[in-house]
Amino acid sequence: MKLKRLGHVAICVQDISRAAEFYQNLGMELVWKDADWAYLKAGDDGLALLSPGYDQAGAHFGFVFSERQEMETAYEELQKQDIHLTKIHEHRDGTASFYGRDPDGNWFEYLYEPVPVATPS
């Protein structure tokens, strides 16, 4: 498996707008905000804010892949190791991922994050 990096940490918050504003005031850039979750970045590192009503996942940390095929191959390899995994699913922001649990019950995410296409100036 070829992980690109540890890409984000996801935390649970009570108020998405309040939390997003707080982390923006700390210098993070708001990338995505919806009613039940938001995503902020500091350089290449991300912070996901999950509301109590967010039902896709709880608090977790996420590893990033540049290529979708690498993420799908990792999924197949982890299945063979009998690791508890969710199905691969598509996210609203164009990424795709699956979640798993480590031996202590902590959630992790393997996330395919497309490389942004440069737009001509």
C-alpha atoms as a PDB file:
ATOM      1  CA  MET A   1       0.000   0.000   0.000  1.00  0.00           C
ATOM      2  CA  LYS A   2       1.340   3.407  -0.939  1.00  0.00           C
ATOM      3  CA  LEU A   3      -0.052   6.015   1.408  1.00  0.00           C
ATOM      4  CA  LYS A   4       0.501   9.593   0.283  1.00  0.00           C
ATOM      5  CA  ARG A   5       0.211  11.059   3.790  1.00  0.00           C
ATOM      6  CA  LEU A   6      -1.824  11.249   6.962  1.00  0.00           C
ATOM      7  CA  GLY A   7      -4.265  13.750   5.537  1.00  0.00           C
ATOM      8  CA  HIS A   8      -6.798  14.726   8.160  1.00  0.00           C
ATOM      9  CA  VAL A   9      -8.276  14.297  11.584  1.00  0.00           C
ATOM     10  CA  ALA A  10     -12.057  14.324  12.062  1.00  0.00           C
ATOM     11  CA  ILE A  11     -13.571  15.538  15.302  1.00  0.00           C
ATOM     12  CA  CYS A  12     -17.138  15.803  16.559  1.00  0.00           C
ATOM     13  CA  VAL A  13     -18.479  19.311  17.273  1.00  0.00           C
ATOM     14  CA  GLN A  14     -21.805  20.635  18.497  1.00  0.00           C
ATOM     15  CA  ASP A  15     -22.101  23.601  16.103  1.00  0.00           C
ATOM     16  CA  ILE A  16     -20.541  23.396  12.617  1.00  0.00           C
ATOM     17  CA  SER A  17     -20.617  27.159  11.941  1.00  0.00           C
ATOM     18  CA  ARG A  18     -19.155  28.095  15.310  1.00  0.00           C
ATOM     19  CA  ALA A  19     -16.410  25.472  15.071  1.00  0.00           C
ATOM     20  CA  ALA A  20     -15.571  26.384  11.449  1.00  0.00           C
ATOM     21  CA  GLU A  21     -15.248  30.046  12.420  1.00  0.00           C
ATOM     22  CA  PHE A  22     -13.057  29.139  15.392  1.00  0.00           C
ATOM     23  CA  TYR A  23     -10.615  27.132  13.272  1.00  0.00           C
ATOM     24  CA  GLN A  24     -10.626  29.780  10.529  1.00  0.00           C
ATOM     25  CA  ASN A  25      -9.592  32.291  13.201  1.00  0.00           C
ATOM     26  CA  LEU A  26      -6.689  29.967  14.023  1.00  0.00           C
ATOM     27  CA  GLY A  27      -5.541  30.340  10.409  1.00  0.00           C
ATOM     28  CA  MET A  28      -7.191  27.392   8.653  1.00  0.00           C
ATOM     29  CA  GLU A  29      -8.880  27.762   5.266  1.00  0.00           C
ATOM     30  CA  LEU A  30     -12.500  26.639   4.895  1.00  0.00           C
ATOM     31  CA  VAL A  31     -12.716  24.237   1.941  1.00  0.00           C
ATOM     32  CA  TRP A  32     -16.214  22.775   2.319  1.00  0.00           C
ATOM     33  CA  LYS A  33     -19.116  23.482   4.611  1.00  0.00           C
ATOM     34  CA  ASP A  34     -22.471  21.765   4.741  1.00  0.00           C
ATOM     35  CA  ALA A  35     -25.164  21.571   7.405  1.00  0.00           C
ATOM     36  CA  ASP A  36     -23.702  18.424   8.996  1.00  0.00           C
ATOM     37  CA  TRP A  37     -19.957  18.677   8.312  1.00  0.00           C
ATOM     38  CA  ALA A  38     -17.163  21.015   7.272  1.00  0.00           C
ATOM     39  CA  TYR A  39     -13.610  20.580   6.053  1.00  0.00           C
ATOM     40  CA  LEU A  40     -10.734  22.967   6.670  1.00  0.00           C
ATOM     41  CA  LYS A  41      -7.102  22.861   5.589  1.00  0.00           C
ATOM     42  CA  ALA A  42      -3.784  24.170   6.808  1.00  0.00           C
ATOM     43  CA  GLY A  43      -1.435  23.552   3.908  1.00  0.00           C
ATOM     44  CA  ASP A  44      -1.913  19.910   2.932  1.00  0.00           C
ATOM     45  CA  ASP A  45      -3.354  18.912   6.311  1.00  0.00           C
ATOM     46  CA  GLY A  46      -7.075  18.795   6.967  1.00  0.00           C
ATOM     47  CA  LEU A  47      -9.543  18.979   9.806  1.00  0.00           C
ATOM     48  CA  ALA A  48     -13.039  17.578   9.355  1.00  0.00           C
ATOM     49  CA  LEU A  49     -15.756  18.863  11.664  1.00  0.00           C
ATOM     50  CA  LEU A  50     -18.629  16.412  12.147  1.00  0.00           C
ATOM     51  CA  SER A  51     -21.975  17.393  13.645  1.00  0.00           C
ATOM     52  CA  PRO A  52     -23.871  15.126  16.058  1.00  0.00           C
ATOM     53  CA  GLY A  53     -26.212  14.294  13.156  1.00  0.00           C
ATOM     54  CA  TYR A  54     -23.448  13.245  10.762  1.00  0.00           C
ATOM     55  CA  ASP A  55     -24.061   9.543  10.168  1.00  0.00           C
ATOM     56  CA  GLN A  56     -21.234   8.525   7.793  1.00  0.00           C
ATOM     57  CA  ALA A  57     -18.509   8.277  10.441  1.00  0.00           C
ATOM     58  CA  GLY A  58     -17.470   9.393  13.880  1.00  0.00           C
ATOM     59  CA  ALA A  59     -14.156  10.772  15.060  1.00  0.00           C
ATOM     60  CA  HIS A  60     -11.318   9.298  13.008  1.00  0.00           C
ATOM     61  CA  PHE A  61      -8.055  10.029  11.216  1.00  0.00           C
ATOM     62  CA  GLY A  62      -7.622   9.715   7.480  1.00  0.00           C
ATOM     63  CA  PHE A  63      -4.848   8.523   5.196  1.00  0.00           C
ATOM     64  CA  VAL A  64      -4.754   9.982   1.691  1.00  0.00           C
ATOM     65  CA  PHE A  65      -4.128   8.305  -1.657  1.00  0.00           C
ATOM     66  CA  SER A  66      -3.401  10.194  -4.889  1.00  0.00           C
ATOM     67  CA  GLU A  67      -4.751   7.427  -7.133  1.00  0.00           C
ATOM     68  CA  ARG A  68      -8.161   5.834  -6.755  1.00  0.00           C
ATOM     69  CA  GLN A  69      -6.810   2.447  -7.829  1.00  0.00           C
ATOM     70  CA  GLU A  70      -4.299   2.522  -4.957  1.00  0.00           C
ATOM     71  CA  MET A  71      -7.136   3.082  -2.477  1.00  0.00           C
ATOM     72  CA  GLU A  72      -9.179   0.250  -4.028  1.00  0.00           C
ATOM     73  CA  THR A  73      -6.168  -2.103  -3.961  1.00  0.00           C
ATOM     74  CA  ALA A  74      -5.584  -1.238  -0.299  1.00  0.00           C
ATOM     75  CA  TYR A  75      -9.249  -2.075   0.372  1.00  0.00           C
ATOM     76  CA  GLU A  76      -8.815  -5.538  -1.164  1.00  0.00           C
ATOM     77  CA  GLU A  77      -5.600  -6.152   0.792  1.00  0.00           C
ATOM     78  CA  LEU A  78      -7.165  -5.117   4.109  1.00  0.00           C
ATOM     79  CA  GLN A  79     -10.200  -7.325   3.459  1.00  0.00           C
ATOM     80  CA  LYS A  80      -7.846 -10.304   3.160  1.00  0.00           C
ATOM     81  CA  GLN A  81      -6.449  -9.415   6.597  1.00  0.00           C
ATOM     82  CA  ASP A  82      -9.937  -9.699   8.107  1.00  0.00           C
ATOM     83  CA  ILE A  83      -9.989  -6.060   9.209  1.00  0.00           C
ATOM     84  CA  HIS A  84     -13.438  -4.574   9.893  1.00  0.00           C
ATOM     85  CA  LEU A  85     -14.160  -2.268   6.912  1.00  0.00           C
ATOM     86  CA  THR A  86     -17.099  -0.331   5.555  1.00  0.00           C
ATOM     87  CA  LYS A  87     -17.915  -0.350   1.855  1.00  0.00           C
ATOM     88  CA  ILE A  88     -16.199   2.153  -0.438  1.00  0.00           C
ATOM     89  CA  HIS A  89     -18.455   5.142  -0.862  1.00  0.00           C
ATOM     90  CA  GLU A  90     -18.480   8.362  -2.847  1.00  0.00           C
ATOM     91  CA  HIS A  91     -18.418  11.663  -0.961  1.00  0.00           C
ATOM     92  CA  ARG A  92     -20.272  14.844  -1.880  1.00  0.00           C
ATOM     93  CA  ASP A  93     -16.988  16.673  -2.519  1.00  0.00           C
ATOM     94  CA  GLY A  94     -15.746  14.278  -5.231  1.00  0.00           C
ATOM     95  CA  THR A  95     -13.548  12.106  -3.011  1.00  0.00           C
ATOM     96  CA  ALA A  96     -14.126   8.411  -2.243  1.00  0.00           C
ATOM     97  CA  SER A  97     -13.169   6.375   0.801  1.00  0.00           C
ATOM     98  CA  PHE A  98     -13.778   3.553   3.186  1.00  0.00           C
ATOM     99  CA  TYR A  99     -13.456   3.314   6.949  1.00  0.00           C
ATOM    100  CA  GLY A 100     -11.903   0.618   9.096  1.00  0.00           C
ATOM    101  CA  ARG A 101     -11.180  -0.116  12.748  1.00  0.00           C
ATOM    102  CA  ASP A 102      -7.811  -0.849  14.281  1.00  0.00           C
ATOM    103  CA  PRO A 103      -7.432  -3.625  16.913  1.00  0.00           C
ATOM    104  CA  ASP A 104      -8.357  -1.138  19.667  1.00  0.00           C
ATOM    105  CA  GLY A 105     -11.548   0.016  17.948  1.00  0.00           C
ATOM    106  CA  ASN A 106     -10.250   3.355  16.635  1.00  0.00           C
ATOM    107  CA  TRP A 107     -11.660   4.416  13.271  1.00  0.00           C
ATOM    108  CA  PHE A 108      -9.390   5.225  10.340  1.00  0.00           C
ATOM    109  CA  GLU A 109     -10.234   6.267   6.809  1.00  0.00           C
ATOM    110  CA  TYR A 110      -8.493   5.499   3.520  1.00  0.00           C
ATOM    111  CA  LEU A 111      -9.373   8.401   1.268  1.00  0.00           C
ATOM    112  CA  TYR A 112      -8.864   8.931  -2.445  1.00  0.00           C
ATOM    113  CA  GLU A 113      -8.352  12.653  -2.932  1.00  0.00           C
ATOM    114  CA  PRO A 114      -8.048  13.649  -6.590  1.00  0.00           C
ATOM    115  CA  VAL A 115      -5.174  15.954  -7.443  1.00  0.00           C
ATOM    116  CA  PRO A 116      -6.672  19.332  -8.378  1.00  0.00           C
ATOM    117  CA  VAL A 117      -6.402  20.125 -12.059  1.00  0.00           C
ATOM    118  CA  ALA A 118      -4.547  23.360 -12.685  1.00  0.00           C
ATOM    119  CA  THR A 119      -6.612  25.936 -14.505  1.00  0.00           C
ATOM    120  CA  PRO A 120      -4.954  28.032 -17.221  1.00  0.00           C
ATOM    121  CA  SER A 121      -4.287  31.651 -16.288  1.00  0.00           C
END
